Amino acid sequence: GPAFPDLSALAGLLELARGSLPPDLQRLLEEALRELLIALRAVLDYSIERLEPGEPPPVPVEDIPIE
């Protein structure tokens, strides 16, 4: 079966709806889906940035006098 069955079902439903809608509503649906995908990409980018390690904290250095 598909790796993501829920997404496959949603994609099938959208394809069915797109085929039965008038052209102007098809265009609006495509624009809405595009905006949804852009928003999803932004959420994923934000989440990935939070998972990436940042710079390590600086190590404290102490001067030791040499006599």
Protein backbone atom coordinates (compact mmCIF):
# COMPACT_ATOMS: atom_id res chain seq x y z
CA GLY A 1 0.00 0.00 0.00
CA PRO A 2 0.99 3.65 -0.13
CA ALA A 3 3.40 5.02 2.47
CA PHE A 4 0.91 7.69 3.57
CA PRO A 5 -2.61 6.28 3.07
CA ASP A 6 -4.31 9.34 4.58
CA LEU A 7 -2.58 11.66 2.14
CA SER A 8 -3.36 9.31 -0.75
CA ALA A 9 -7.05 9.38 0.13
CA LEU A 10 -7.00 13.17 0.39
CA ALA A 11 -5.20 13.48 -2.94
CA GLY A 12 -7.76 11.18 -4.57
CA LEU A 13 -10.64 13.21 -3.16
CA LEU A 14 -9.11 16.46 -4.40
CA GLU A 15 -8.54 14.97 -7.86
CA LEU A 16 -12.15 13.80 -8.01
CA ALA A 17 -13.44 17.20 -6.88
CA ARG A 18 -11.18 19.02 -9.32
CA GLY A 19 -12.50 16.99 -12.23
CA SER A 20 -16.13 17.71 -11.40
CA LEU A 21 -15.82 21.47 -10.76
CA PRO A 22 -16.27 24.26 -13.28
CA PRO A 23 -12.99 25.76 -14.58
CA ASP A 24 -13.18 28.93 -12.45
CA LEU A 25 -13.63 26.90 -9.26
CA GLN A 26 -10.84 24.54 -10.34
CA ARG A 27 -8.53 27.53 -10.59
CA LEU A 28 -9.55 28.74 -7.13
CA LEU A 29 -8.99 25.26 -5.69
CA GLU A 30 -5.54 25.08 -7.28
CA GLU A 31 -4.62 28.48 -5.84
CA ALA A 32 -5.85 27.47 -2.39
CA LEU A 33 -3.87 24.22 -2.52
CA ARG A 34 -0.78 26.13 -3.61
CA GLU A 35 -1.13 28.50 -0.64
CA LEU A 36 -1.63 25.54 1.68
CA LEU A 37 1.54 23.87 0.39
CA ILE A 38 3.52 27.11 0.79
CA ALA A 39 2.31 27.40 4.39
CA LEU A 40 3.20 23.76 5.04
CA ARG A 41 6.68 24.34 3.62
CA ALA A 42 7.14 27.34 5.94
CA VAL A 43 6.13 25.24 8.95
CA LEU A 44 8.54 22.47 7.92
CA ASP A 45 11.40 24.95 7.35
CA TYR A 46 10.79 26.46 10.79
CA SER A 47 10.73 23.02 12.44
CA ILE A 48 13.90 21.91 10.68
CA GLU A 49 15.72 25.08 11.75
CA ARG A 50 14.79 24.39 15.38
CA LEU A 51 16.13 20.83 15.12
CA GLU A 52 19.51 21.80 13.68
CA PRO A 53 22.22 22.24 16.28
CA GLY A 54 23.31 25.80 16.94
CA GLU A 55 26.77 27.03 17.76
CA PRO A 56 28.23 25.43 20.88
CA PRO A 57 28.41 27.68 23.93
CA PRO A 58 31.81 29.30 24.49
CA VAL A 59 34.16 27.47 26.80
CA PRO A 60 35.17 29.59 29.79
CA VAL A 61 38.87 30.41 29.76
CA GLU A 62 40.85 31.34 32.84
CA ASP A 63 44.22 33.10 32.74
CA ILE A 64 46.81 31.39 34.91
CA PRO A 65 49.82 33.61 35.71
CA ILE A 66 53.21 32.03 35.11
CA GLU A 67 56.03 33.15 37.44
